[in-house]
Amino acid sequence: MFVVVGRFRFRPMGQDERQSMIQRWEQDFAPMARESPGFRGVHFVWLSDDEMMTDWHWDSEADWEAAQARFGPFLQQHVVPNLDFRSKNRHEILGGGVRAADLRET
């Protein structure tokens, strides 16, 4: 399994505009992700009103990389314009192979 964690800082926006952006992701982006080979799941975690963390799970790094071609146009149209370009830390993405898959007690 390959995991990618991202952090995104968005420009200031009102609650209605932020909700509209989230609805667009749910309507258009979620199905695109689900249809991508190797996709296992994603969590979108709002850290604050203007900062979000993503946690993507894929079968392999190759699956993640292949999905970027599908995701690119959507991200350029609906995510990049909403990033806070005043911040040096507007986005960060890290990925790696999983070494220990499940550490829960049984």
PDB file of N, CA and C in Angstrom:
ATOM      1  N   MET A   1       0.853  -1.181   0.000  1.00  0.00           N
ATOM      2  CA  MET A   1       0.000   0.000   0.000  1.00  0.00           C
ATOM      3  C   MET A   1       0.890   1.233   0.000  1.00  0.00           C
ATOM      4  N   PHE A   2       0.417   2.277  -0.677  1.00  0.00           N
ATOM      5  CA  PHE A   2       1.118   3.552  -0.768  1.00  0.00           C
ATOM      6  C   PHE A   2       0.202   4.628  -0.197  1.00  0.00           C
ATOM      7  N   VAL A   3       0.741   5.462   0.703  1.00  0.00           N
ATOM      8  CA  VAL A   3      -0.036   6.517   1.360  1.00  0.00           C
ATOM      9  C   VAL A   3       0.558   7.872   0.992  1.00  0.00           C
ATOM     10  N   VAL A   4      -0.328   8.813   0.667  1.00  0.00           N
ATOM     11  CA  VAL A   4       0.075  10.177   0.355  1.00  0.00           C
ATOM     12  C   VAL A   4      -0.675  11.116   1.296  1.00  0.00           C
ATOM     13  N   VAL A   5       0.080  11.956   2.001  1.00  0.00           N
ATOM     14  CA  VAL A   5      -0.509  12.935   2.914  1.00  0.00           C
ATOM     15  C   VAL A   5      -0.222  14.315   2.352  1.00  0.00           C
ATOM     16  N   GLY A   6      -1.257  15.121   2.254  1.00  0.00           N
ATOM     17  CA  GLY A   6      -1.096  16.479   1.761  1.00  0.00           C
ATOM     18  C   GLY A   6      -1.641  17.483   2.752  1.00  0.00           C
ATOM     19  N   ARG A   7      -1.089  18.679   2.715  1.00  0.00           N
ATOM     20  CA  ARG A   7      -1.603  19.777   3.534  1.00  0.00           C
ATOM     21  C   ARG A   7      -1.755  20.985   2.628  1.00  0.00           C
ATOM     22  N   PHE A   8      -2.919  21.610   2.695  1.00  0.00           N
ATOM     23  CA  PHE A   8      -3.236  22.726   1.816  1.00  0.00           C
ATOM     24  C   PHE A   8      -3.752  23.897   2.640  1.00  0.00           C
ATOM     25  N   ARG A   9      -3.218  25.076   2.363  1.00  0.00           N
ATOM     26  CA  ARG A   9      -3.695  26.302   3.014  1.00  0.00           C
ATOM     27  C   ARG A   9      -4.432  27.117   1.954  1.00  0.00           C
ATOM     28  N   PHE A  10      -5.701  27.429   2.227  1.00  0.00           N
ATOM     29  CA  PHE A  10      -6.546  28.137   1.275  1.00  0.00           C
ATOM     30  C   PHE A  10      -6.611  29.624   1.577  1.00  0.00           C
ATOM     31  N   ARG A  11      -6.894  30.380   0.537  1.00  0.00           N
ATOM     32  CA  ARG A  11      -7.074  31.823   0.688  1.00  0.00           C
ATOM     33  C   ARG A  11      -8.303  32.070   1.566  1.00  0.00           C
ATOM     34  N   PRO A  12      -8.391  33.246   2.177  1.00  0.00           N
ATOM     35  CA  PRO A  12      -9.590  33.544   2.967  1.00  0.00           C
ATOM     36  C   PRO A  12     -10.839  33.503   2.087  1.00  0.00           C
ATOM     37  N   MET A  13     -11.873  32.855   2.578  1.00  0.00           N
ATOM     38  CA  MET A  13     -13.153  32.809   1.860  1.00  0.00           C
ATOM     39  C   MET A  13     -14.271  32.650   2.873  1.00  0.00           C
ATOM     40  N   GLY A  14     -15.456  33.051   2.487  1.00  0.00           N
ATOM     41  CA  GLY A  14     -16.610  32.939   3.351  1.00  0.00           C
ATOM     42  C   GLY A  14     -17.099  31.500   3.463  1.00  0.00           C
ATOM     43  N   GLN A  15     -17.953  31.266   4.432  1.00  0.00           N
ATOM     44  CA  GLN A  15     -18.492  29.928   4.674  1.00  0.00           C
ATOM     45  C   GLN A  15     -19.227  29.383   3.444  1.00  0.00           C
ATOM     46  N   ASP A  16     -20.026  30.214   2.780  1.00  0.00           N
ATOM     47  CA  ASP A  16     -20.771  29.761   1.598  1.00  0.00           C
ATOM     48  C   ASP A  16     -19.834  29.370   0.458  1.00  0.00           C
ATOM     49  N   GLU A  17     -18.805  30.167   0.231  1.00  0.00           N
ATOM     50  CA  GLU A  17     -17.853  29.863  -0.835  1.00  0.00           C
ATOM     51  C   GLU A  17     -17.084  28.575  -0.530  1.00  0.00           C
ATOM     52  N   ARG A  18     -16.678  28.407   0.733  1.00  0.00           N
ATOM     53  CA  ARG A  18     -15.966  27.186   1.136  1.00  0.00           C
ATOM     54  C   ARG A  18     -16.868  25.967   0.972  1.00  0.00           C
ATOM     55  N   GLN A  19     -18.133  26.093   1.373  1.00  0.00           N
ATOM     56  CA  GLN A  19     -19.079  24.979   1.240  1.00  0.00           C
ATOM     57  C   GLN A  19     -19.312  24.631  -0.228  1.00  0.00           C
ATOM     58  N   SER A  20     -19.365  25.627  -1.084  1.00  0.00           N
ATOM     59  CA  SER A  20     -19.523  25.390  -2.514  1.00  0.00           C
ATOM     60  C   SER A  20     -18.316  24.634  -3.074  1.00  0.00           C
ATOM     61  N   MET A  21     -17.125  25.002  -2.626  1.00  0.00           N
ATOM     62  CA  MET A  21     -15.908  24.326  -3.067  1.00  0.00           C
ATOM     63  C   MET A  21     -15.939  22.852  -2.631  1.00  0.00           C
ATOM     64  N   ILE A  22     -16.331  22.596  -1.413  1.00  0.00           N
ATOM     65  CA  ILE A  22     -16.393  21.228  -0.892  1.00  0.00           C
ATOM     66  C   ILE A  22     -17.432  20.411  -1.656  1.00  0.00           C
ATOM     67  N   GLN A  23     -18.582  21.004  -1.934  1.00  0.00           N
ATOM     68  CA  GLN A  23     -19.621  20.295  -2.690  1.00  0.00           C
ATOM     69  C   GLN A  23     -19.129  19.917  -4.083  1.00  0.00           C
ATOM     70  N   ARG A  24     -18.348  20.791  -4.717  1.00  0.00           N
ATOM     71  CA  ARG A  24     -17.788  20.507  -6.042  1.00  0.00           C
ATOM     72  C   ARG A  24     -16.868  19.294  -5.945  1.00  0.00           C
ATOM     73  N   TRP A  25     -16.054  19.221  -4.895  1.00  0.00           N
ATOM     74  CA  TRP A  25     -15.172  18.066  -4.717  1.00  0.00           C
ATOM     75  C   TRP A  25     -15.993  16.790  -4.554  1.00  0.00           C
ATOM     76  N   GLU A  26     -17.039  16.863  -3.729  1.00  0.00           N
ATOM     77  CA  GLU A  26     -17.868  15.678  -3.489  1.00  0.00           C
ATOM     78  C   GLU A  26     -18.571  15.219  -4.764  1.00  0.00           C
ATOM     79  N   GLN A  27     -19.072  16.158  -5.551  1.00  0.00           N
ATOM     80  CA  GLN A  27     -19.814  15.832  -6.773  1.00  0.00           C
ATOM     81  C   GLN A  27     -18.923  15.318  -7.887  1.00  0.00           C
ATOM     82  N   ASP A  28     -17.811  16.008  -8.127  1.00  0.00           N
ATOM     83  CA  ASP A  28     -17.007  15.745  -9.319  1.00  0.00           C
ATOM     84  C   ASP A  28     -15.713  14.983  -9.040  1.00  0.00           C
ATOM     85  N   PHE A  29     -15.046  15.337  -7.963  1.00  0.00           N
ATOM     86  CA  PHE A  29     -13.736  14.758  -7.703  1.00  0.00           C
ATOM     87  C   PHE A  29     -13.824  13.364  -7.080  1.00  0.00           C
ATOM     88  N   ALA A  30     -14.750  13.172  -6.155  1.00  0.00           N
ATOM     89  CA  ALA A  30     -14.870  11.872  -5.479  1.00  0.00           C
ATOM     90  C   ALA A  30     -15.115  10.729  -6.465  1.00  0.00           C
ATOM     91  N   PRO A  31     -16.048  10.862  -7.408  1.00  0.00           N
ATOM     92  CA  PRO A  31     -16.242   9.769  -8.372  1.00  0.00           C
ATOM     93  C   PRO A  31     -14.995   9.505  -9.226  1.00  0.00           C
ATOM     94  N   MET A  32     -14.288  10.564  -9.583  1.00  0.00           N
ATOM     95  CA  MET A  32     -13.069  10.413 -10.368  1.00  0.00           C
ATOM     96  C   MET A  32     -12.033   9.588  -9.584  1.00  0.00           C
ATOM     97  N   ALA A  33     -11.920   9.862  -8.292  1.00  0.00           N
ATOM     98  CA  ALA A  33     -10.985   9.106  -7.451  1.00  0.00           C
ATOM     99  C   ALA A  33     -11.425   7.651  -7.337  1.00  0.00           C
ATOM    100  N   ARG A  34     -12.709   7.432  -7.063  1.00  0.00           N
ATOM    101  CA  ARG A  34     -13.211   6.060  -6.898  1.00  0.00           C
ATOM    102  C   ARG A  34     -13.009   5.213  -8.146  1.00  0.00           C
ATOM    103  N   GLU A  35     -13.034   5.829  -9.316  1.00  0.00           N
ATOM    104  CA  GLU A  35     -12.879   5.107 -10.573  1.00  0.00           C
ATOM    105  C   GLU A  35     -11.412   4.878 -10.951  1.00  0.00           C
ATOM    106  N   SER A  36     -10.500   5.425 -10.177  1.00  0.00           N
ATOM    107  CA  SER A  36      -9.076   5.293 -10.491  1.00  0.00           C
ATOM    108  C   SER A  36      -8.541   3.934 -10.039  1.00  0.00           C
ATOM    109  N   PRO A  37      -7.830   3.232 -10.921  1.00  0.00           N
ATOM    110  CA  PRO A  37      -7.248   1.941 -10.533  1.00  0.00           C
ATOM    111  C   PRO A  37      -6.321   2.082  -9.327  1.00  0.00           C
ATOM    112  N   GLY A  38      -6.452   1.179  -8.380  1.00  0.00           N
ATOM    113  CA  GLY A  38      -5.594   1.163  -7.207  1.00  0.00           C
ATOM    114  C   GLY A  38      -6.032   2.062  -6.070  1.00  0.00           C
ATOM    115  N   PHE A  39      -7.108   2.836  -6.261  1.00  0.00           N
ATOM    116  CA  PHE A  39      -7.586   3.731  -5.215  1.00  0.00           C
ATOM    117  C   PHE A  39      -8.228   2.930  -4.090  1.00  0.00           C
ATOM    118  N   ARG A  40      -7.826   3.197  -2.845  1.00  0.00           N
ATOM    119  CA  ARG A  40      -8.400   2.519  -1.686  1.00  0.00           C
ATOM    120  C   ARG A  40      -9.235   3.442  -0.810  1.00  0.00           C
ATOM    121  N   GLY A  41      -8.891   4.712  -0.770  1.00  0.00           N
ATOM    122  CA  GLY A  41      -9.677   5.635   0.049  1.00  0.00           C
ATOM    123  C   GLY A  41      -8.948   6.940   0.280  1.00  0.00           C
ATOM    124  N   VAL A  42      -9.692   7.917   0.789  1.00  0.00           N
ATOM    125  CA  VAL A  42      -9.123   9.227   1.108  1.00  0.00           C
ATOM    126  C   VAL A  42      -9.894   9.829   2.268  1.00  0.00           C
ATOM    127  N   HIS A  43      -9.192  10.587   3.098  1.00  0.00           N
ATOM    128  CA  HIS A  43      -9.810  11.371   4.167  1.00  0.00           C
ATOM    129  C   HIS A  43      -9.439  12.834   3.930  1.00  0.00           C
ATOM    130  N   PHE A  44     -10.426  13.714   4.036  1.00  0.00           N
ATOM    131  CA  PHE A  44     -10.200  15.153   3.977  1.00  0.00           C
ATOM    132  C   PHE A  44     -10.441  15.675   5.388  1.00  0.00           C
ATOM    133  N   VAL A  45      -9.412  16.216   6.007  1.00  0.00           N
ATOM    134  CA  VAL A  45      -9.490  16.661   7.400  1.00  0.00           C
ATOM    135  C   VAL A  45      -9.264  18.164   7.446  1.00  0.00           C
ATOM    136  N   TRP A  46     -10.280  18.899   7.900  1.00  0.00           N
ATOM    137  CA  TRP A  46     -10.134  20.348   8.037  1.00  0.00           C
ATOM    138  C   TRP A  46      -9.436  20.636   9.350  1.00  0.00           C
ATOM    139  N   LEU A  47      -8.238  21.222   9.271  1.00  0.00           N
ATOM    140  CA  LEU A  47      -7.459  21.570  10.456  1.00  0.00           C
ATOM    141  C   LEU A  47      -7.892  22.917  11.015  1.00  0.00           C
ATOM    142  N   SER A  48      -8.388  23.777  10.138  1.00  0.00           N
ATOM    143  CA  SER A  48      -8.927  25.086  10.511  1.00  0.00           C
ATOM    144  C   SER A  48      -9.802  25.539   9.353  1.00  0.00           C
ATOM    145  N   ASP A  49     -10.342  26.748   9.431  1.00  0.00           N
ATOM    146  CA  ASP A  49     -11.199  27.243   8.351  1.00  0.00           C
ATOM    147  C   ASP A  49     -10.454  27.361   7.027  1.00  0.00           C
ATOM    148  N   ASP A  50      -9.128  27.509   7.076  1.00  0.00           N
ATOM    149  CA  ASP A  50      -8.388  27.711   5.833  1.00  0.00           C
ATOM    150  C   ASP A  50      -7.299  26.665   5.587  1.00  0.00           C
ATOM    151  N   GLU A  51      -7.291  25.592   6.358  1.00  0.00           N
ATOM    152  CA  GLU A  51      -6.247  24.580   6.180  1.00  0.00           C
ATOM    153  C   GLU A  51      -6.842  23.174   6.222  1.00  0.00           C
ATOM    154  N   MET A  52      -6.438  22.358   5.233  1.00  0.00           N
ATOM    155  CA  MET A  52      -6.957  21.007   5.120  1.00  0.00           C
ATOM    156  C   MET A  52      -5.793  20.027   4.951  1.00  0.00           C
ATOM    157  N   MET A  53      -5.979  18.838   5.510  1.00  0.00           N
ATOM    158  CA  MET A  53      -5.030  17.750   5.338  1.00  0.00           C
ATOM    159  C   MET A  53      -5.745  16.640   4.582  1.00  0.00           C
ATOM    160  N   THR A  54      -5.034  16.003   3.640  1.00  0.00           N
ATOM    161  CA  THR A  54      -5.586  14.860   2.924  1.00  0.00           C
ATOM    162  C   THR A  54      -4.741  13.632   3.224  1.00  0.00           C
ATOM    163  N   ASP A  55      -5.383  12.488   3.253  1.00  0.00           N
ATOM    164  CA  ASP A  55      -4.736  11.208   3.542  1.00  0.00           C
ATOM    165  C   ASP A  55      -5.245  10.211   2.508  1.00  0.00           C
ATOM    166  N   TRP A  56      -4.447   9.967   1.462  1.00  0.00           N
ATOM    167  CA  TRP A  56      -4.821   9.110   0.345  1.00  0.00           C
ATOM    168  C   TRP A  56      -4.210   7.732   0.519  1.00  0.00           C
ATOM    169  N   HIS A  57      -4.953   6.682   0.181  1.00  0.00           N
ATOM    170  CA  HIS A  57      -4.461   5.310   0.243  1.00  0.00           C
ATOM    171  C   HIS A  57      -4.600   4.683  -1.144  1.00  0.00           C
ATOM    172  N   TRP A  58      -3.503   4.111  -1.634  1.00  0.00           N
ATOM    173  CA  TRP A  58      -3.427   3.514  -2.975  1.00  0.00           C
ATOM    174  C   TRP A  58      -2.775   2.148  -2.879  1.00  0.00           C
ATOM    175  N   ASP A  59      -3.012   1.315  -3.861  1.00  0.00           N
ATOM    176  CA  ASP A  59      -2.345   0.027  -3.918  1.00  0.00           C
ATOM    177  C   ASP A  59      -0.839   0.199  -4.120  1.00  0.00           C
ATOM    178  N   SER A  60      -0.448   1.189  -4.930  1.00  0.00           N
ATOM    179  CA  SER A  60       0.973   1.377  -5.227  1.00  0.00           C
ATOM    180  C   SER A  60       1.259   2.828  -5.592  1.00  0.00           C
ATOM    181  N   GLU A  61       2.520   3.182  -5.552  1.00  0.00           N
ATOM    182  CA  GLU A  61       2.936   4.515  -5.967  1.00  0.00           C
ATOM    183  C   GLU A  61       2.607   4.731  -7.448  1.00  0.00           C
ATOM    184  N   ALA A  62       2.743   3.692  -8.254  1.00  0.00           N
ATOM    185  CA  ALA A  62       2.420   3.802  -9.681  1.00  0.00           C
ATOM    186  C   ALA A  62       0.949   4.160  -9.886  1.00  0.00           C
ATOM    187  N   ASP A  63       0.048   3.602  -9.055  1.00  0.00           N
ATOM    188  CA  ASP A  63      -1.379   3.944  -9.154  1.00  0.00           C
ATOM    189  C   ASP A  63      -1.599   5.415  -8.825  1.00  0.00           C
ATOM    190  N   TRP A  64      -0.941   5.902  -7.774  1.00  0.00           N
ATOM    191  CA  TRP A  64      -1.047   7.318  -7.394  1.00  0.00           C
ATOM    192  C   TRP A  64      -0.562   8.198  -8.536  1.00  0.00           C
ATOM    193  N   GLU A  65       0.582   7.878  -9.086  1.00  0.00           N
ATOM    194  CA  GLU A  65       1.147   8.693 -10.163  1.00  0.00           C
ATOM    195  C   GLU A  65       0.251   8.677 -11.401  1.00  0.00           C
ATOM    196  N   ALA A  66      -0.317   7.523 -11.727  1.00  0.00           N
ATOM    197  CA  ALA A  66      -1.205   7.430 -12.891  1.00  0.00           C
ATOM    198  C   ALA A  66      -2.457   8.279 -12.693  1.00  0.00           C
ATOM    199  N   ALA A  67      -2.939   8.368 -11.473  1.00  0.00           N
ATOM    200  CA  ALA A  67      -4.149   9.142 -11.184  1.00  0.00           C
ATOM    201  C   ALA A  67      -3.925  10.646 -11.351  1.00  0.00           C
ATOM    202  N   GLN A  68      -2.700  11.092 -11.233  1.00  0.00           N
ATOM    203  CA  GLN A  68      -2.429  12.526 -11.322  1.00  0.00           C
ATOM    204  C   GLN A  68      -2.840  13.105 -12.671  1.00  0.00           C
ATOM    205  N   ALA A  69      -2.710  12.328 -13.739  1.00  0.00           N
ATOM    206  CA  ALA A  69      -3.141  12.807 -15.060  1.00  0.00           C
ATOM    207  C   ALA A  69      -4.649  13.053 -15.083  1.00  0.00           C
ATOM    208  N   ARG A  70      -5.401  12.202 -14.389  1.00  0.00           N
ATOM    209  CA  ARG A  70      -6.857  12.384 -14.318  1.00  0.00           C
ATOM    210  C   ARG A  70      -7.216  13.558 -13.410  1.00  0.00           C
ATOM    211  N   PHE A  71      -6.486  13.705 -12.315  1.00  0.00           N
ATOM    212  CA  PHE A  71      -6.806  14.723 -11.317  1.00  0.00           C
ATOM    213  C   PHE A  71      -6.375  16.123 -11.734  1.00  0.00           C
ATOM    214  N   GLY A  72      -5.317  16.211 -12.547  1.00  0.00           N
ATOM    215  CA  GLY A  72      -4.719  17.502 -12.867  1.00  0.00           C
ATOM    216  C   GLY A  72      -5.673  18.590 -13.310  1.00  0.00           C
ATOM    217  N   PRO A  73      -6.502  18.355 -14.326  1.00  0.00           N
ATOM    218  CA  PRO A  73      -7.407  19.420 -14.768  1.00  0.00           C
ATOM    219  C   PRO A  73      -8.369  19.894 -13.673  1.00  0.00           C
ATOM    220  N   PHE A  74      -8.903  18.960 -12.885  1.00  0.00           N
ATOM    221  CA  PHE A  74      -9.808  19.354 -11.806  1.00  0.00           C
ATOM    222  C   PHE A  74      -9.063  20.195 -10.769  1.00  0.00           C
ATOM    223  N   LEU A  75      -7.879  19.746 -10.380  1.00  0.00           N
ATOM    224  CA  LEU A  75      -7.100  20.476  -9.380  1.00  0.00           C
ATOM    225  C   LEU A  75      -6.749  21.876  -9.869  1.00  0.00           C
ATOM    226  N   GLN A  76      -6.357  22.000 -11.141  1.00  0.00           N
ATOM    227  CA  GLN A  76      -6.009  23.306 -11.699  1.00  0.00           C
ATOM    228  C   GLN A  76      -7.203  24.251 -11.728  1.00  0.00           C
ATOM    229  N   GLN A  77      -8.391  23.701 -11.936  1.00  0.00           N
ATOM    230  CA  GLN A  77      -9.581  24.542 -12.041  1.00  0.00           C
ATOM    231  C   GLN A  77     -10.219  24.843 -10.685  1.00  0.00           C
ATOM    232  N   HIS A  78     -10.220  23.875  -9.765  1.00  0.00           N
ATOM    233  CA  HIS A  78     -11.015  24.029  -8.546  1.00  0.00           C
ATOM    234  C   HIS A  78     -10.226  24.081  -7.239  1.00  0.00           C
ATOM    235  N   VAL A  79      -8.949  23.738  -7.273  1.00  0.00           N
ATOM    236  CA  VAL A  79      -8.163  23.775  -6.036  1.00  0.00           C
ATOM    237  C   VAL A  79      -7.100  24.867  -6.094  1.00  0.00           C
ATOM    238  N   VAL A  80      -6.266  24.849  -7.116  1.00  0.00           N
ATOM    239  CA  VAL A  80      -5.162  25.805  -7.203  1.00  0.00           C
ATOM    240  C   VAL A  80      -5.627  27.256  -7.078  1.00  0.00           C
ATOM    241  N   PRO A  81      -6.715  27.689  -7.739  1.00  0.00           N
ATOM    242  CA  PRO A  81      -7.132  29.088  -7.591  1.00  0.00           C
ATOM    243  C   PRO A  81      -7.539  29.457  -6.164  1.00  0.00           C
ATOM    244  N   ASN A  82      -7.827  28.463  -5.338  1.00  0.00           N
ATOM    245  CA  ASN A  82      -8.258  28.730  -3.965  1.00  0.00           C
ATOM    246  C   ASN A  82      -7.129  28.635  -2.943  1.00  0.00           C
ATOM    247  N   LEU A  83      -5.921  28.289  -3.394  1.00  0.00           N
ATOM    248  CA  LEU A  83      -4.799  28.235  -2.470  1.00  0.00           C
ATOM    249  C   LEU A  83      -4.375  29.644  -2.067  1.00  0.00           C
ATOM    250  N   ASP A  84      -3.803  29.763  -0.886  1.00  0.00           N
ATOM    251  CA  ASP A  84      -3.349  31.052  -0.363  1.00  0.00           C
ATOM    252  C   ASP A  84      -1.922  31.289  -0.843  1.00  0.00           C
ATOM    253  N   PHE A  85      -1.761  32.046  -1.907  1.00  0.00           N
ATOM    254  CA  PHE A  85      -0.449  32.276  -2.485  1.00  0.00           C
ATOM    255  C   PHE A  85       0.368  33.294  -1.700  1.00  0.00           C
ATOM    256  N   ARG A  86      -0.213  33.853  -0.645  1.00  0.00           N
ATOM    257  CA  ARG A  86       0.558  34.727   0.247  1.00  0.00           C
ATOM    258  C   ARG A  86       1.419  33.886   1.182  1.00  0.00           C
ATOM    259  N   SER A  87       1.038  32.622   1.360  1.00  0.00           N
ATOM    260  CA  SER A  87       1.720  31.736   2.296  1.00  0.00           C
ATOM    261  C   SER A  87       2.783  30.911   1.578  1.00  0.00           C
ATOM    262  N   LYS A  88       3.979  30.835   2.150  1.00  0.00           N
ATOM    263  CA  LYS A  88       5.022  29.967   1.605  1.00  0.00           C
ATOM    264  C   LYS A  88       4.622  28.509   1.750  1.00  0.00           C
ATOM    265  N   ASN A  89       3.787  28.200   2.729  1.00  0.00           N
ATOM    266  CA  ASN A  89       3.360  26.830   3.021  1.00  0.00           C
ATOM    267  C   ASN A  89       1.962  26.556   2.488  1.00  0.00           C
ATOM    268  N   ARG A  90       1.660  27.003   1.258  1.00  0.00           N
ATOM    269  CA  ARG A  90       0.306  26.846   0.728  1.00  0.00           C
ATOM    270  C   ARG A  90      -0.055  25.402   0.437  1.00  0.00           C
ATOM    271  N   HIS A  91       0.966  24.560   0.153  1.00  0.00           N
ATOM    272  CA  HIS A  91       0.687  23.135   0.003  1.00  0.00           C
ATOM    273  C   HIS A  91       1.970  22.328   0.179  1.00  0.00           C
ATOM    274  N   GLU A  92       1.780  21.129   0.646  1.00  0.00           N
ATOM    275  CA  GLU A  92       2.882  20.197   0.864  1.00  0.00           C
ATOM    276  C   GLU A  92       2.327  18.792   0.689  1.00  0.00           C
ATOM    277  N   ILE A  93       3.050  17.949  -0.037  1.00  0.00           N
ATOM    278  CA  ILE A  93       2.594  16.583  -0.276  1.00  0.00           C
ATOM    279  C   ILE A  93       3.759  15.624  -0.007  1.00  0.00           C
ATOM    280  N   LEU A  94       3.484  14.604   0.803  1.00  0.00           N
ATOM    281  CA  LEU A  94       4.469  13.581   1.138  1.00  0.00           C
ATOM    282  C   LEU A  94       3.855  12.216   0.880  1.00  0.00           C
ATOM    283  N   GLY A  95       4.655  11.276   0.406  1.00  0.00           N
ATOM    284  CA  GLY A  95       4.134   9.933   0.166  1.00  0.00           C
ATOM    285  C   GLY A  95       5.179   8.879   0.450  1.00  0.00           C
ATOM    286  N   GLY A  96       4.708   7.666   0.758  1.00  0.00           N
ATOM    287  CA  GLY A  96       5.626   6.571   1.001  1.00  0.00           C
ATOM    288  C   GLY A  96       4.907   5.246   1.113  1.00  0.00           C
ATOM    289  N   GLY A  97       5.672   4.189   0.970  1.00  0.00           N
ATOM    290  CA  GLY A  97       5.123   2.847   1.106  1.00  0.00           C
ATOM    291  C   GLY A  97       4.882   2.507   2.564  1.00  0.00           C
ATOM    292  N   VAL A  98       3.833   1.757   2.816  1.00  0.00           N
ATOM    293  CA  VAL A  98       3.469   1.376   4.181  1.00  0.00           C
ATOM    294  C   VAL A  98       4.327   0.191   4.615  1.00  0.00           C
ATOM    295  N   ARG A  99       4.926   0.288   5.792  1.00  0.00           N
ATOM    296  CA  ARG A  99       5.767  -0.786   6.327  1.00  0.00           C
ATOM    297  C   ARG A  99       5.003  -1.663   7.310  1.00  0.00           C
ATOM    298  N   ALA A 100       4.104  -1.056   8.098  1.00  0.00           N
ATOM    299  CA  ALA A 100       3.268  -1.801   9.059  1.00  0.00           C
ATOM    300  C   ALA A 100       1.827  -1.440   8.760  1.00  0.00           C
ATOM    301  N   ALA A 101       1.069  -2.376   8.247  1.00  0.00           N
ATOM    302  CA  ALA A 101      -0.272  -2.080   7.737  1.00  0.00           C
ATOM    303  C   ALA A 101      -1.321  -1.896   8.818  1.00  0.00           C
ATOM    304  N   ASP A 102      -1.252  -2.620   9.923  1.00  0.00           N
ATOM    305  CA  ASP A 102      -2.305  -2.537  10.930  1.00  0.00           C
ATOM    306  C   ASP A 102      -1.720  -2.868  12.289  1.00  0.00           C
ATOM    307  N   LEU A 103      -1.759  -1.909  13.190  1.00  0.00           N
ATOM    308  CA  LEU A 103      -1.179  -2.109  14.513  1.00  0.00           C
ATOM    309  C   LEU A 103      -2.232  -2.201  15.611  1.00  0.00           C
ATOM    310  N   ARG A 104      -3.502  -2.343  15.225  1.00  0.00           N
ATOM    311  CA  ARG A 104      -4.577  -2.453  16.216  1.00  0.00           C
ATOM    312  C   ARG A 104      -4.482  -3.791  16.944  1.00  0.00           C
ATOM    313  N   GLU A 105      -4.935  -3.790  18.185  1.00  0.00           N
ATOM    314  CA  GLU A 105      -5.024  -5.043  18.922  1.00  0.00           C
ATOM    315  C   GLU A 105      -6.211  -5.841  18.403  1.00  0.00           C
ATOM    316  N   THR A 106      -6.092  -7.146  18.400  1.00  0.00           N
ATOM    317  CA  THR A 106      -7.202  -7.980  17.939  1.00  0.00           C
ATOM    318  C   THR A 106      -7.865  -8.664  19.108  1.00  0.00           C
TER     319      THR A 106
END
